[in-house]
Amino acid sequence: MTVIAGRPLGLFHLQLPEVIADPVGFYAELLDAGPVVDPLTGAWLVARHHDVQLLLTHPASSVRMDHAGALARFPGAGLRTAFDALDLHVSFADPPEHGRLRRALAEPVQVRHVRTGLAAAIDQAVTTTFDDLPPARPGTHAGRVDVVAAIAARVPIAVTAHLLGMDDVDLATVRRWSLAWGDVVAAPGHVPTTGRAEVLQAVDELVTYLRDLVTRHEQQPGGTMVDHLVSLIHTGVLSRDEVIANLMMITTAGSETTTNLISAVIMSLADDADLWSLVRREPNLIGEMIEELGRLHPPTQYTARRMTERVVLASGAVIPAGATVVLMLAAANRDPVAFPAPHEIRLDRTGVRPLTYGHGPHHCFGAPLAQFEAHRTVLELATRYRLLAPLPGRAWRHNANLRGLSRLPVQLTAATPAGVR
């Protein structure tokens, strides 16, 4: 049995601040050990790329959660509103409900819509964000900038607010709601372990706001994604509660995970001067770079499934019916069998695809939007600034699943007026 920090290998380690800051060693241990059973929860931890990909597409993999049982275990914890919403969440729906919900929700953020209908709004969000940074003359420092607060969080929150027509609420409030719902979704068993009362209060505020938002869009359409979903209420495709629950999902997935992606990409560029120079010289490589850095620093570290029947993995390990499996997406992305030299940044990888956005029926339908926002942000960063250097003070949020930076101080030096050289 593999033991780290005096404990058998398990989910406990993902909660340690040092592992959140640098989980590579933990994931290497999981990959070496093969499937292991978590000593506290009894869940199977599956890390190898082939096995994770198999279970993401296996017909015996269910995403349904036993929220009724959790409510019985945590009476009086104020979890019912959150659990009721999660039970209607597309991410936790099995067929046939999953297909119906996914078709309804994915249409407005398909690639063709992102590149046409949303491109102008994304460019406006990016331009406004960079215009608000401290001014700098060419060749001079722009001063200390916290990438998370000043860039990475602002762009996706502004885009999400535009997408949903949340014009009457400030972006700081949208971020607070997004973080709170992300804490619920990412918590073990969906029960926040710290600051529960504050988190659930923010969730209640978000639910109340979204109910009012749907009502307002019924009375006066605003040309947003909410209008599309409201029309599906009227045709009987979606219920009102399903719309509210999945707008909660979009608020967090559309902003929080994209914030984590953009932060991780800029962190990697700040830490690697050669990579930063390459991106400035050859901006046509930004797409490949975002794909590769997303492999190394996926915004979502793992996802869970419950097996409805016995499944045999390639290693011969047998996962019994009824078992919970935790599919370690981030570890699978560093599997040396799938990705030679897995810890190196290589922009010419082909063949096996990373599992950054999942795989199969539950592959993240918002991935094109997140990647487009990250691409536009990095391109603007490389156009406006010549030097990007890390500064002390980097910090990570205490969220083992939606792993992301809470602070990323950097020093920026403006480019010449002619732009990138």
Protein backbone atom coordinates (compact mmCIF):
# COMPACT_ATOMS: atom_id res chain seq x y z
CA MET A 1 0.00 0.00 0.00
CA THR A 2 1.35 3.41 -1.01
CA VAL A 3 1.59 5.86 1.90
CA ILE A 4 2.12 9.64 1.61
CA ALA A 5 2.44 11.96 4.61
CA GLY A 6 1.69 9.03 6.93
CA ARG A 7 -1.62 8.12 5.26
CA PRO A 8 -2.59 5.54 2.64
CA LEU A 9 -2.93 7.05 -0.83
CA GLY A 10 -6.36 8.68 -1.08
CA LEU A 11 -8.52 11.75 -1.58
CA PHE A 12 -7.32 13.19 1.73
CA HIS A 13 -4.09 14.23 0.06
CA LEU A 14 -5.91 16.40 -2.48
CA GLN A 15 -7.06 18.66 0.37
CA LEU A 16 -3.51 19.44 1.50
CA PRO A 17 -2.41 22.98 0.55
CA GLU A 18 0.95 21.72 -0.68
CA VAL A 19 -0.74 19.20 -2.99
CA ILE A 20 -3.18 21.80 -4.31
CA ALA A 21 -0.17 24.02 -5.08
CA ASP A 22 1.73 21.18 -6.77
CA PRO A 23 -0.23 17.94 -7.32
CA VAL A 24 2.23 16.40 -9.80
CA GLY A 25 3.90 14.10 -7.26
CA PHE A 26 0.55 12.88 -5.94
CA TYR A 27 -0.68 12.13 -9.45
CA ALA A 28 2.54 10.25 -10.25
CA GLU A 29 1.94 8.06 -7.19
CA LEU A 30 -1.60 7.34 -8.36
CA LEU A 31 -0.42 6.44 -11.84
CA ASP A 32 2.23 4.09 -10.45
CA ALA A 33 -0.15 2.44 -7.99
CA GLY A 34 -2.93 1.81 -10.48
CA PRO A 35 -6.55 1.91 -9.29
CA VAL A 36 -6.65 2.30 -5.51
CA VAL A 37 -9.52 2.33 -3.04
CA ASP A 38 -9.76 5.49 -0.97
CA PRO A 39 -9.41 4.43 2.69
CA LEU A 40 -11.94 6.99 3.97
CA THR A 41 -14.74 6.89 1.39
CA GLY A 42 -14.29 3.49 -0.25
CA ALA A 43 -14.28 5.16 -3.68
CA TRP A 44 -12.00 3.84 -6.40
CA LEU A 45 -9.39 6.34 -7.59
CA VAL A 46 -8.67 5.73 -11.28
CA ALA A 47 -5.80 7.67 -12.88
CA ARG A 48 -4.49 5.98 -16.02
CA HIS A 49 -5.61 7.63 -19.25
CA HIS A 50 -6.95 4.48 -20.88
CA ASP A 51 -8.99 3.53 -17.81
CA VAL A 52 -10.36 7.03 -17.24
CA GLN A 53 -11.37 7.36 -20.89
CA LEU A 54 -13.04 3.94 -20.78
CA LEU A 55 -15.10 4.77 -17.71
CA LEU A 56 -16.11 8.20 -19.03
CA THR A 57 -17.83 6.47 -21.94
CA HIS A 58 -18.89 3.17 -20.35
CA PRO A 59 -22.67 2.61 -20.35
CA ALA A 60 -22.43 1.44 -16.74
CA SER A 61 -21.10 4.85 -15.58
CA SER A 62 -23.79 6.89 -13.86
CA VAL A 63 -23.43 10.50 -12.77
CA ARG A 64 -26.47 10.49 -10.51
CA MET A 65 -25.75 11.35 -6.87
CA ASP A 66 -27.52 10.13 -3.74
CA HIS A 67 -28.52 13.54 -2.46
CA ALA A 68 -31.44 12.13 -0.48
CA GLY A 69 -29.00 10.03 1.51
CA ALA A 70 -26.71 13.01 2.00
CA LEU A 71 -29.62 15.09 3.34
CA ALA A 72 -30.31 12.34 5.86
CA ARG A 73 -26.65 12.35 6.95
CA PHE A 74 -26.51 16.14 7.25
CA PRO A 75 -29.88 17.20 8.68
CA GLY A 76 -30.28 20.89 9.30
CA ALA A 77 -27.26 21.79 7.17
CA GLY A 78 -29.33 23.91 4.79
CA LEU A 79 -28.38 21.82 1.77
CA ARG A 80 -31.80 21.16 0.24
CA THR A 81 -31.84 24.12 -2.16
CA ALA A 82 -28.39 23.22 -3.46
CA PHE A 83 -29.18 19.50 -3.75
CA ASP A 84 -32.49 20.14 -5.51
CA ALA A 85 -30.61 22.18 -8.10
CA LEU A 86 -27.85 19.60 -8.48
CA ASP A 87 -30.41 16.88 -9.20
CA LEU A 88 -31.51 18.92 -12.27
CA HIS A 89 -27.97 19.82 -13.33
CA VAL A 90 -26.95 18.49 -16.78
CA SER A 91 -23.65 17.29 -15.32
CA PHE A 92 -25.47 14.95 -12.96
CA ALA A 93 -28.10 13.62 -15.33
CA ASP A 94 -28.10 10.18 -17.00
CA PRO A 95 -29.82 9.31 -20.28
CA PRO A 96 -32.37 10.13 -21.49
CA GLU A 97 -32.56 13.32 -19.39
CA HIS A 98 -28.92 14.13 -20.11
CA GLY A 99 -29.37 14.19 -23.88
CA ARG A 100 -32.43 16.42 -23.63
CA LEU A 101 -30.71 18.89 -21.31
CA ARG A 102 -27.44 18.92 -23.23
CA ARG A 103 -29.11 19.61 -26.57
CA ALA A 104 -31.01 22.52 -25.06
CA LEU A 105 -28.05 24.07 -23.27
CA ALA A 106 -25.21 23.48 -25.72
CA GLU A 107 -26.70 25.15 -28.79
CA PRO A 108 -25.94 28.81 -27.84
CA VAL A 109 -22.24 28.06 -27.13
CA GLN A 110 -21.39 25.90 -30.12
CA VAL A 111 -18.26 26.85 -32.03
CA ARG A 112 -20.14 28.61 -34.82
CA HIS A 113 -21.97 30.84 -32.33
CA VAL A 114 -18.84 31.59 -30.33
CA ARG A 115 -16.96 32.71 -33.43
CA THR A 116 -19.80 34.84 -34.75
CA GLY A 117 -22.42 35.97 -32.26
CA LEU A 118 -20.13 36.06 -29.18
CA ALA A 119 -16.82 37.10 -30.74
CA ALA A 120 -17.54 40.84 -30.52
CA ALA A 121 -18.61 40.61 -26.86
CA ILE A 122 -15.49 38.59 -26.01
CA ASP A 123 -13.23 41.08 -27.77
CA GLN A 124 -14.95 43.94 -25.96
CA ALA A 125 -14.48 42.22 -22.58
CA VAL A 126 -10.80 41.61 -23.33
CA THR A 127 -10.17 45.16 -24.57
CA THR A 128 -11.92 46.75 -21.60
CA THR A 129 -10.02 44.53 -19.18
CA PHE A 130 -6.62 45.50 -20.56
CA ASP A 131 -7.56 49.16 -20.93
CA ASP A 132 -8.26 49.19 -17.19
CA LEU A 133 -4.78 47.96 -16.27
CA PRO A 134 -2.23 50.51 -15.02
CA PRO A 135 -0.99 52.54 -18.00
CA ALA A 136 2.57 52.12 -19.14
CA ARG A 137 4.69 53.93 -21.71
CA PRO A 138 6.47 51.67 -24.22
CA GLY A 139 9.44 49.97 -22.61
CA THR A 140 8.35 50.83 -19.07
CA HIS A 141 6.81 48.72 -16.35
CA ALA A 142 3.04 48.66 -15.90
CA GLY A 143 3.62 47.90 -12.26
CA ARG A 144 2.54 44.94 -10.21
CA VAL A 145 -0.61 43.29 -11.61
CA ASP A 146 -2.57 40.44 -10.02
CA VAL A 147 -3.49 38.42 -13.08
CA VAL A 148 -6.40 36.64 -11.38
CA ALA A 149 -8.25 39.73 -10.18
CA ALA A 150 -7.28 42.11 -12.97
CA ILE A 151 -7.45 39.83 -16.02
CA ALA A 152 -8.33 36.17 -15.66
CA ALA A 153 -11.50 36.63 -13.60
CA ARG A 154 -12.76 39.75 -15.35
CA VAL A 155 -12.91 38.47 -18.92
CA PRO A 156 -15.01 35.31 -18.39
CA ILE A 157 -17.30 36.95 -15.85
CA ALA A 158 -18.00 39.81 -18.25
CA VAL A 159 -18.68 37.32 -21.07
CA THR A 160 -20.95 35.21 -18.86
CA ALA A 161 -22.86 38.29 -17.75
CA HIS A 162 -23.32 39.27 -21.40
CA LEU A 163 -24.39 35.76 -22.38
CA LEU A 164 -27.05 35.64 -19.67
CA GLY A 165 -28.07 39.29 -19.73
CA MET A 166 -26.96 39.96 -16.14
CA ASP A 167 -26.62 43.68 -16.79
CA ASP A 168 -28.12 44.74 -13.46
CA VAL A 169 -25.55 43.09 -11.19
CA ASP A 170 -21.89 44.01 -10.69
CA LEU A 171 -19.18 41.61 -11.77
CA ALA A 172 -17.84 41.21 -8.23
CA THR A 173 -21.21 39.82 -7.13
CA VAL A 174 -21.34 37.44 -10.10
CA ARG A 175 -17.87 36.18 -9.15
CA ARG A 176 -18.91 35.69 -5.50
CA TRP A 177 -21.93 33.66 -6.61
CA SER A 178 -19.82 31.71 -9.08
CA LEU A 179 -17.22 30.82 -6.46
CA ALA A 180 -19.90 29.74 -3.99
CA TRP A 181 -21.68 27.42 -6.41
CA GLY A 182 -18.29 26.08 -7.51
CA ASP A 183 -17.50 25.26 -3.89
CA VAL A 184 -20.71 23.21 -3.67
CA VAL A 185 -20.22 21.39 -6.98
CA ALA A 186 -16.58 20.55 -6.23
CA ALA A 187 -17.00 19.56 -2.57
CA PRO A 188 -16.84 15.85 -1.66
CA GLY A 189 -20.44 14.67 -1.74
CA HIS A 190 -21.37 18.29 -2.59
CA VAL A 191 -21.17 19.21 1.09
CA PRO A 192 -18.90 22.25 1.61
CA THR A 193 -16.49 21.60 4.45
CA THR A 194 -15.56 25.21 5.25
CA GLY A 195 -17.63 28.37 5.41
CA ARG A 196 -20.79 26.39 4.65
CA ALA A 197 -23.27 28.99 5.91
CA GLU A 198 -21.67 31.78 3.87
CA VAL A 199 -21.45 29.59 0.76
CA LEU A 200 -25.09 28.50 0.97
CA GLN A 201 -26.24 32.08 1.58
CA ALA A 202 -24.55 33.10 -1.67
CA VAL A 203 -26.18 30.14 -3.43
CA ASP A 204 -29.59 31.26 -2.17
CA GLU A 205 -28.91 34.75 -3.51
CA LEU A 206 -27.98 33.31 -6.90
CA VAL A 207 -31.14 31.18 -7.06
CA THR A 208 -33.31 34.17 -6.15
CA TYR A 209 -31.62 36.35 -8.76
CA LEU A 210 -31.94 33.75 -11.53
CA ARG A 211 -35.62 33.18 -10.81
CA ASP A 212 -36.22 36.90 -11.22
CA LEU A 213 -34.00 36.97 -14.34
CA VAL A 214 -36.09 34.26 -16.02
CA THR A 215 -39.32 36.09 -15.14
CA ARG A 216 -37.98 39.34 -16.60
CA HIS A 217 -36.92 37.63 -19.81
CA GLU A 218 -40.36 36.08 -20.13
CA GLN A 219 -41.89 39.54 -19.94
CA GLN A 220 -39.30 41.31 -22.08
CA PRO A 221 -36.82 39.22 -24.12
CA GLY A 222 -33.30 40.62 -24.17
CA GLY A 223 -31.61 38.67 -26.94
CA THR A 224 -29.62 36.41 -24.60
CA MET A 225 -29.16 32.73 -23.86
CA VAL A 226 -31.87 33.08 -21.22
CA ASP A 227 -34.39 33.91 -23.97
CA HIS A 228 -33.48 30.66 -25.71
CA LEU A 229 -34.03 28.68 -22.50
CA VAL A 230 -37.28 30.49 -21.68
CA SER A 231 -38.60 29.54 -25.12
CA LEU A 232 -37.89 25.91 -24.23
CA ILE A 233 -39.96 26.27 -21.06
CA HIS A 234 -42.90 27.41 -23.16
CA THR A 235 -42.52 24.48 -25.58
CA GLY A 236 -42.23 21.96 -22.75
CA VAL A 237 -38.64 20.93 -23.48
CA LEU A 238 -37.37 22.24 -20.13
CA SER A 239 -39.02 22.94 -16.82
CA ARG A 240 -38.53 26.27 -15.06
CA ASP A 241 -36.56 24.57 -12.28
CA GLU A 242 -34.28 22.90 -14.85
CA VAL A 243 -33.56 26.28 -16.41
CA ILE A 244 -32.70 27.81 -13.03
CA ALA A 245 -30.46 24.88 -12.04
CA ASN A 246 -28.54 24.93 -15.30
CA LEU A 247 -28.18 28.70 -15.32
CA MET A 248 -26.43 28.18 -11.99
CA MET A 249 -24.12 25.71 -13.71
CA ILE A 250 -23.42 28.13 -16.57
CA THR A 251 -22.67 30.96 -14.13
CA THR A 252 -19.91 28.91 -12.53
CA ALA A 253 -18.69 26.84 -15.47
CA GLY A 254 -18.73 29.87 -17.74
CA SER A 255 -16.63 31.96 -15.40
CA GLU A 256 -14.81 30.01 -12.68
CA THR A 257 -13.26 27.23 -14.74
CA THR A 258 -12.32 29.68 -17.50
CA THR A 259 -10.72 31.95 -14.91
CA ASN A 260 -8.64 28.98 -13.76
CA LEU A 261 -7.64 28.16 -17.33
CA ILE A 262 -6.56 31.71 -18.18
CA SER A 263 -4.68 32.06 -14.88
CA ALA A 264 -2.81 28.79 -15.42
CA VAL A 265 -1.86 29.72 -18.97
CA ILE A 266 -0.51 33.14 -17.98
CA MET A 267 1.29 31.57 -14.98
CA SER A 268 3.05 29.15 -17.33
CA LEU A 269 4.01 31.97 -19.70
CA ALA A 270 5.37 34.05 -16.82
CA ASP A 271 7.43 31.10 -15.58
CA ASP A 272 8.84 30.21 -19.01
CA ALA A 273 10.49 33.11 -20.80
CA ASP A 274 11.19 30.99 -23.89
CA LEU A 275 7.54 30.02 -24.21
CA TRP A 276 6.48 33.65 -23.78
CA SER A 277 8.91 34.72 -26.51
CA LEU A 278 7.63 31.99 -28.81
CA VAL A 279 4.01 33.07 -28.35
CA ARG A 280 4.91 36.69 -29.11
CA ARG A 281 6.87 35.71 -32.21
CA GLU A 282 4.34 33.20 -33.47
CA PRO A 283 0.84 34.05 -32.19
CA ASN A 284 -0.57 31.43 -34.55
CA LEU A 285 0.64 28.87 -31.97
CA ILE A 286 -1.56 30.24 -29.17
CA GLY A 287 -4.28 27.64 -29.80
CA GLU A 288 -1.88 24.71 -29.50
CA MET A 289 -0.26 26.31 -26.47
CA ILE A 290 -3.60 26.68 -24.65
CA GLU A 291 -4.43 23.04 -25.42
CA GLU A 292 -1.10 21.84 -24.02
CA LEU A 293 -1.14 24.04 -20.92
CA GLY A 294 -4.74 22.98 -20.31
CA ARG A 295 -3.48 19.40 -20.33
CA LEU A 296 -0.92 20.21 -17.66
CA HIS A 297 -3.19 22.45 -15.58
CA PRO A 298 -6.81 21.40 -16.20
CA PRO A 299 -9.40 23.63 -14.48
CA THR A 300 -11.22 20.49 -13.27
CA GLN A 301 -9.04 17.87 -11.61
CA TYR A 302 -11.47 14.97 -11.36
CA THR A 303 -15.03 13.80 -11.85
CA ALA A 304 -17.04 11.04 -10.17
CA ARG A 305 -19.17 8.18 -11.44
CA ARG A 306 -21.15 5.34 -9.87
CA MET A 307 -20.88 1.98 -11.62
CA THR A 308 -24.21 0.26 -12.26
CA GLU A 309 -22.51 -3.00 -13.19
CA ARG A 310 -19.16 -4.77 -12.76
CA VAL A 311 -16.38 -3.38 -14.99
CA VAL A 312 -12.94 -4.86 -15.69
CA LEU A 313 -10.10 -2.42 -16.40
CA ALA A 314 -7.14 -3.01 -18.70
CA SER A 315 -4.96 -3.82 -15.69
CA GLY A 316 -7.33 -6.61 -14.70
CA ALA A 317 -8.68 -4.64 -11.74
CA VAL A 318 -12.38 -5.36 -11.21
CA ILE A 319 -14.62 -2.47 -10.15
CA PRO A 320 -17.77 -3.94 -8.61
CA ALA A 321 -21.31 -2.85 -9.37
CA GLY A 322 -22.40 -0.05 -7.06
CA ALA A 323 -18.87 1.29 -6.56
CA THR A 324 -18.09 4.99 -6.78
CA VAL A 325 -15.12 5.85 -8.99
CA VAL A 326 -13.23 9.12 -8.95
CA LEU A 327 -11.76 9.67 -12.39
CA MET A 328 -8.57 11.67 -12.02
CA LEU A 329 -8.60 13.76 -15.21
CA ALA A 330 -5.49 15.71 -14.26
CA ALA A 331 -3.49 12.56 -13.51
CA ALA A 332 -4.63 10.95 -16.78
CA ASN A 333 -3.35 14.03 -18.60
CA ARG A 334 0.13 13.24 -17.25
CA ASP A 335 0.08 9.51 -17.96
CA PRO A 336 3.43 8.75 -19.67
CA VAL A 337 1.84 5.91 -21.63
CA ALA A 338 -0.49 8.39 -23.32
CA PHE A 339 1.81 11.45 -23.33
CA PRO A 340 5.56 10.83 -23.71
CA ALA A 341 7.58 13.18 -21.47
CA PRO A 342 4.26 14.10 -19.83
CA HIS A 343 5.60 17.02 -17.77
CA GLU A 344 7.14 18.81 -20.75
CA ILE A 345 5.34 21.50 -22.77
CA ARG A 346 5.15 20.25 -26.34
CA LEU A 347 3.08 22.10 -28.90
CA ASP A 348 3.33 19.36 -31.53
CA ARG A 349 1.58 16.53 -29.68
CA THR A 350 -0.69 14.39 -31.83
CA GLY A 351 -2.76 11.26 -31.35
CA VAL A 352 -4.15 10.80 -27.86
CA ARG A 353 -6.26 13.72 -26.71
CA PRO A 354 -6.05 15.08 -23.17
CA LEU A 355 -9.08 14.73 -20.90
CA THR A 356 -9.04 18.38 -19.83
CA TYR A 357 -12.71 18.84 -20.73
CA GLY A 358 -13.75 15.24 -20.15
CA HIS A 359 -14.66 12.75 -22.83
CA GLY A 360 -17.76 11.11 -24.22
CA PRO A 361 -21.35 12.15 -23.46
CA HIS A 362 -20.35 14.56 -20.69
CA HIS A 363 -17.54 16.28 -22.59
CA CYS A 364 -17.75 19.96 -21.61
CA PHE A 365 -19.89 21.70 -24.22
CA GLY A 366 -18.52 25.06 -23.06
CA ALA A 367 -14.94 24.14 -24.01
CA PRO A 368 -14.95 26.13 -27.30
CA LEU A 369 -16.07 29.26 -25.44
CA ALA A 370 -13.42 28.85 -22.71
CA GLN A 371 -10.66 28.25 -25.24
CA PHE A 372 -11.75 31.20 -27.38
CA GLU A 373 -11.72 33.54 -24.37
CA ALA A 374 -8.30 32.27 -23.31
CA HIS A 375 -6.98 32.66 -26.86
CA ARG A 376 -8.19 36.26 -27.17
CA THR A 377 -6.80 37.13 -23.73
CA VAL A 378 -3.35 35.72 -24.42
CA LEU A 379 -3.21 37.37 -27.85
CA GLU A 380 -4.01 40.76 -26.29
CA LEU A 381 -1.45 40.20 -23.54
CA ALA A 382 1.24 39.33 -26.10
CA THR A 383 0.30 42.31 -28.27
CA ARG A 384 0.39 44.90 -25.51
CA TYR A 385 3.35 43.69 -23.44
CA ARG A 386 6.95 42.83 -24.22
CA LEU A 387 7.97 41.29 -20.89
CA LEU A 388 5.99 39.14 -18.47
CA ALA A 389 7.74 38.23 -15.22
CA PRO A 390 6.47 36.42 -12.12
CA LEU A 391 6.48 38.17 -8.74
CA PRO A 392 6.27 36.73 -5.21
CA GLY A 393 2.85 36.24 -3.64
CA ARG A 394 1.35 33.46 -5.76
CA ALA A 395 -1.47 31.62 -3.97
CA TRP A 396 -3.98 28.86 -4.71
CA ARG A 397 -7.64 28.59 -3.78
CA HIS A 398 -8.50 25.84 -1.34
CA ASN A 399 -10.55 23.88 -3.88
CA ALA A 400 -8.99 20.54 -4.74
CA ASN A 401 -11.21 19.90 -7.76
CA LEU A 402 -11.74 23.32 -9.38
CA ARG A 403 -8.05 23.97 -8.86
CA GLY A 404 -7.13 27.56 -9.56
CA LEU A 405 -5.00 30.46 -8.43
CA SER A 406 -6.38 33.04 -6.04
CA ARG A 407 -3.44 35.41 -6.67
CA LEU A 408 -0.87 35.61 -9.47
CA PRO A 409 1.28 38.75 -9.18
CA VAL A 410 3.30 39.57 -12.30
CA GLN A 411 5.33 42.45 -13.69
CA LEU A 412 4.42 43.67 -17.18
CA THR A 413 6.53 45.76 -19.53
CA ALA A 414 4.72 47.47 -22.39
CA ALA A 415 5.50 46.67 -26.00
CA THR A 416 6.54 49.29 -28.52
CA PRO A 417 3.76 51.19 -30.33
CA ALA A 418 4.28 49.03 -33.41
CA GLY A 419 3.08 46.01 -31.42
CA VAL A 420 4.66 42.60 -31.26
CA ARG A 421 8.26 42.24 -32.43
